[in-house]
Amino acid sequence: MNTERVTSSPRYAKFKEVMDARLALASALRKAGIQLPALDIRVTGRADDPGYGVVELGICAAPVAQQLAEVITRGAEPR
């Protein structure tokens, strides 16, 4: 397999984009003291269409959802 061809493909770029986003989100949540049980990724599309990528946040317990809401609210407040 030609590695250069794979890593320069639009589908690989989309995969890398969603993996980077997942890593950034997991890191930010960890810094806030929050851990979601399942951060997963999905990349849609076909060989000729890279589609789009999503980070699935999965399910979380009510206390974790409350923590997440509090962190987002604090971050959304004007400084």
N, C-alpha and C. Protein backbone atom coordinates (compact mmCIF):
# COMPACT_ATOMS: atom_id res chain seq x y z
N MET A 1 0.83 -1.18 0.00
CA MET A 1 0.00 0.00 0.00
C MET A 1 0.87 1.24 0.00
N ASN A 2 0.51 2.21 -0.79
CA ASN A 2 1.25 3.45 -0.89
C ASN A 2 0.83 4.38 0.25
N THR A 3 1.69 4.50 1.26
CA THR A 3 1.38 5.29 2.45
C THR A 3 1.18 6.76 2.11
N GLU A 4 1.99 7.28 1.20
CA GLU A 4 1.87 8.69 0.82
C GLU A 4 0.50 8.97 0.20
N ARG A 5 0.00 8.05 -0.61
CA ARG A 5 -1.30 8.25 -1.24
C ARG A 5 -2.42 8.25 -0.20
N VAL A 6 -2.31 7.37 0.79
CA VAL A 6 -3.33 7.28 1.84
C VAL A 6 -3.33 8.54 2.69
N THR A 7 -2.16 8.98 3.16
CA THR A 7 -2.10 10.12 4.07
C THR A 7 -2.39 11.45 3.39
N SER A 8 -2.38 11.49 2.07
CA SER A 8 -2.71 12.73 1.37
C SER A 8 -4.15 12.71 0.84
N SER A 9 -4.88 11.66 1.12
CA SER A 9 -6.25 11.56 0.61
C SER A 9 -7.21 12.43 1.43
N PRO A 10 -8.29 12.92 0.81
CA PRO A 10 -9.29 13.71 1.55
C PRO A 10 -9.92 12.93 2.70
N ARG A 11 -10.11 11.63 2.52
CA ARG A 11 -10.70 10.81 3.59
C ARG A 11 -9.77 10.74 4.80
N TYR A 12 -8.48 10.59 4.57
CA TYR A 12 -7.52 10.58 5.67
C TYR A 12 -7.51 11.93 6.38
N ALA A 13 -7.57 13.01 5.61
CA ALA A 13 -7.60 14.35 6.21
C ALA A 13 -8.82 14.50 7.12
N LYS A 14 -9.96 13.99 6.68
CA LYS A 14 -11.19 14.06 7.49
C LYS A 14 -11.02 13.22 8.75
N PHE A 15 -10.42 12.02 8.63
CA PHE A 15 -10.17 11.15 9.78
C PHE A 15 -9.25 11.85 10.77
N LYS A 16 -8.19 12.48 10.28
CA LYS A 16 -7.25 13.17 11.15
C LYS A 16 -7.94 14.34 11.84
N GLU A 17 -8.77 15.07 11.11
CA GLU A 17 -9.50 16.20 11.69
C GLU A 17 -10.37 15.76 12.87
N VAL A 18 -11.10 14.67 12.69
CA VAL A 18 -12.00 14.21 13.76
C VAL A 18 -11.20 13.61 14.93
N MET A 19 -10.09 12.95 14.65
CA MET A 19 -9.25 12.42 15.74
C MET A 19 -8.63 13.56 16.54
N ASP A 20 -8.17 14.61 15.86
CA ASP A 20 -7.61 15.77 16.55
C ASP A 20 -8.66 16.45 17.42
N ALA A 21 -9.88 16.56 16.90
CA ALA A 21 -10.97 17.17 17.66
C ALA A 21 -11.31 16.35 18.90
N ARG A 22 -11.34 15.02 18.74
CA ARG A 22 -11.62 14.13 19.87
C ARG A 22 -10.55 14.28 20.94
N LEU A 23 -9.30 14.32 20.52
CA LEU A 23 -8.19 14.46 21.47
C LEU A 23 -8.26 15.80 22.19
N ALA A 24 -8.54 16.88 21.46
CA ALA A 24 -8.64 18.20 22.08
C ALA A 24 -9.78 18.25 23.09
N LEU A 25 -10.93 17.67 22.73
CA LEU A 25 -12.07 17.65 23.64
C LEU A 25 -11.77 16.82 24.88
N ALA A 26 -11.19 15.65 24.71
CA ALA A 26 -10.86 14.79 25.85
C ALA A 26 -9.88 15.49 26.79
N SER A 27 -8.91 16.18 26.22
CA SER A 27 -7.93 16.89 27.02
C SER A 27 -8.57 18.04 27.80
N ALA A 28 -9.43 18.81 27.14
CA ALA A 28 -10.11 19.92 27.82
C ALA A 28 -11.02 19.41 28.94
N LEU A 29 -11.73 18.34 28.67
CA LEU A 29 -12.60 17.77 29.71
C LEU A 29 -11.78 17.27 30.89
N ARG A 30 -10.67 16.62 30.60
CA ARG A 30 -9.81 16.09 31.66
C ARG A 30 -9.30 17.24 32.54
N LYS A 31 -8.90 18.36 31.91
CA LYS A 31 -8.42 19.53 32.67
C LYS A 31 -9.52 20.09 33.56
N ALA A 32 -10.77 19.93 33.13
CA ALA A 32 -11.91 20.42 33.92
C ALA A 32 -12.38 19.39 34.94
N GLY A 33 -11.70 18.24 34.98
CA GLY A 33 -12.06 17.21 35.94
C GLY A 33 -13.25 16.37 35.51
N ILE A 34 -13.51 16.34 34.21
CA ILE A 34 -14.66 15.59 33.69
C ILE A 34 -14.17 14.50 32.76
N GLN A 35 -14.73 13.31 32.93
CA GLN A 35 -14.40 12.22 32.03
C GLN A 35 -15.69 11.60 31.51
N LEU A 36 -15.88 11.68 30.20
CA LEU A 36 -17.02 11.01 29.59
C LEU A 36 -16.62 9.56 29.32
N PRO A 37 -17.52 8.62 29.56
CA PRO A 37 -17.15 7.21 29.44
C PRO A 37 -16.84 6.77 28.02
N ALA A 38 -17.42 7.44 27.03
CA ALA A 38 -17.20 6.98 25.66
C ALA A 38 -17.15 8.15 24.70
N LEU A 39 -15.95 8.55 24.31
CA LEU A 39 -15.79 9.52 23.24
C LEU A 39 -15.37 8.71 22.02
N ASP A 40 -16.25 8.63 21.05
CA ASP A 40 -15.99 7.81 19.87
C ASP A 40 -16.03 8.71 18.65
N ILE A 41 -15.53 8.21 17.55
CA ILE A 41 -15.57 8.98 16.31
C ILE A 41 -16.26 8.19 15.22
N ARG A 42 -16.80 8.92 14.26
CA ARG A 42 -17.39 8.34 13.07
C ARG A 42 -17.00 9.23 11.89
N VAL A 43 -16.59 8.60 10.81
CA VAL A 43 -16.30 9.32 9.58
C VAL A 43 -17.19 8.72 8.51
N THR A 44 -17.98 9.57 7.87
CA THR A 44 -18.88 9.10 6.83
C THR A 44 -18.24 9.33 5.47
N GLY A 45 -18.90 8.89 4.45
CA GLY A 45 -18.42 9.15 3.10
C GLY A 45 -18.05 7.88 2.36
N ARG A 46 -17.56 8.10 1.14
CA ARG A 46 -17.14 7.01 0.26
C ARG A 46 -15.72 7.28 -0.19
N ALA A 47 -15.19 6.41 -1.00
CA ALA A 47 -13.83 6.58 -1.48
C ALA A 47 -13.67 7.89 -2.26
N ASP A 48 -14.70 8.30 -3.00
CA ASP A 48 -14.60 9.51 -3.80
C ASP A 48 -15.19 10.75 -3.10
N ASP A 49 -15.67 10.58 -1.86
CA ASP A 49 -16.28 11.68 -1.11
C ASP A 49 -15.88 11.53 0.36
N PRO A 50 -15.06 12.46 0.88
CA PRO A 50 -14.60 12.30 2.26
C PRO A 50 -15.70 12.42 3.31
N GLY A 51 -16.87 12.96 2.93
CA GLY A 51 -17.95 13.08 3.89
C GLY A 51 -17.60 14.02 5.02
N TYR A 52 -17.94 13.62 6.22
CA TYR A 52 -17.63 14.45 7.39
C TYR A 52 -17.37 13.54 8.58
N GLY A 53 -16.75 14.09 9.60
CA GLY A 53 -16.47 13.32 10.80
C GLY A 53 -17.20 13.90 11.99
N VAL A 54 -17.59 13.04 12.90
CA VAL A 54 -18.26 13.48 14.12
C VAL A 54 -17.61 12.83 15.33
N VAL A 55 -17.64 13.55 16.43
CA VAL A 55 -17.21 13.00 17.72
C VAL A 55 -18.48 12.69 18.48
N GLU A 56 -18.66 11.44 18.81
CA GLU A 56 -19.83 11.03 19.60
C GLU A 56 -19.49 11.14 21.07
N LEU A 57 -20.30 11.90 21.78
CA LEU A 57 -20.04 12.11 23.21
C LEU A 57 -20.58 10.97 24.05
N GLY A 58 -21.45 10.16 23.50
CA GLY A 58 -21.98 9.02 24.23
C GLY A 58 -22.94 9.45 25.33
N ILE A 59 -23.14 8.56 26.26
CA ILE A 59 -24.04 8.85 27.38
C ILE A 59 -23.21 9.17 28.62
N CYS A 60 -23.81 9.90 29.53
CA CYS A 60 -23.12 10.18 30.79
C CYS A 60 -24.15 10.29 31.90
N ALA A 61 -23.70 10.07 33.10
CA ALA A 61 -24.56 10.15 34.27
C ALA A 61 -24.98 11.60 34.50
N ALA A 62 -26.11 11.79 35.16
CA ALA A 62 -26.63 13.13 35.43
C ALA A 62 -25.62 14.03 36.13
N PRO A 63 -24.88 13.54 37.15
CA PRO A 63 -23.90 14.43 37.79
C PRO A 63 -22.80 14.89 36.83
N VAL A 64 -22.40 14.04 35.92
CA VAL A 64 -21.38 14.42 34.93
C VAL A 64 -21.96 15.45 33.97
N ALA A 65 -23.20 15.27 33.55
CA ALA A 65 -23.86 16.25 32.68
C ALA A 65 -23.95 17.60 33.39
N GLN A 66 -24.23 17.60 34.68
CA GLN A 66 -24.30 18.84 35.45
C GLN A 66 -22.92 19.51 35.51
N GLN A 67 -21.87 18.73 35.76
CA GLN A 67 -20.51 19.27 35.77
C GLN A 67 -20.18 19.89 34.42
N LEU A 68 -20.52 19.21 33.36
CA LEU A 68 -20.25 19.69 32.02
C LEU A 68 -20.99 21.01 31.76
N ALA A 69 -22.24 21.08 32.16
CA ALA A 69 -23.01 22.32 32.00
C ALA A 69 -22.37 23.47 32.78
N GLU A 70 -21.91 23.20 33.98
CA GLU A 70 -21.28 24.25 34.80
C GLU A 70 -19.99 24.75 34.17
N VAL A 71 -19.18 23.84 33.65
CA VAL A 71 -17.92 24.23 33.02
C VAL A 71 -18.20 25.06 31.75
N ILE A 72 -19.18 24.63 30.97
CA ILE A 72 -19.50 25.38 29.76
C ILE A 72 -20.03 26.76 30.11
N THR A 73 -20.88 26.84 31.12
CA THR A 73 -21.43 28.12 31.54
C THR A 73 -20.33 29.07 32.01
N ARG A 74 -19.42 28.57 32.82
CA ARG A 74 -18.30 29.41 33.28
C ARG A 74 -17.47 29.90 32.10
N GLY A 75 -17.23 29.03 31.15
CA GLY A 75 -16.43 29.41 29.99
C GLY A 75 -17.16 30.36 29.05
N ALA A 76 -18.47 30.36 29.10
CA ALA A 76 -19.27 31.21 28.21
C ALA A 76 -19.51 32.59 28.79
N GLU A 77 -19.20 32.79 30.07
CA GLU A 77 -19.42 34.09 30.70
C GLU A 77 -18.41 35.11 30.18
N PRO A 78 -18.85 36.34 29.95
CA PRO A 78 -17.92 37.39 29.50
C PRO A 78 -16.82 37.60 30.53
N ARG A 79 -15.64 37.87 30.07
CA ARG A 79 -14.52 38.06 30.98
C ARG A 79 -14.15 39.51 31.11
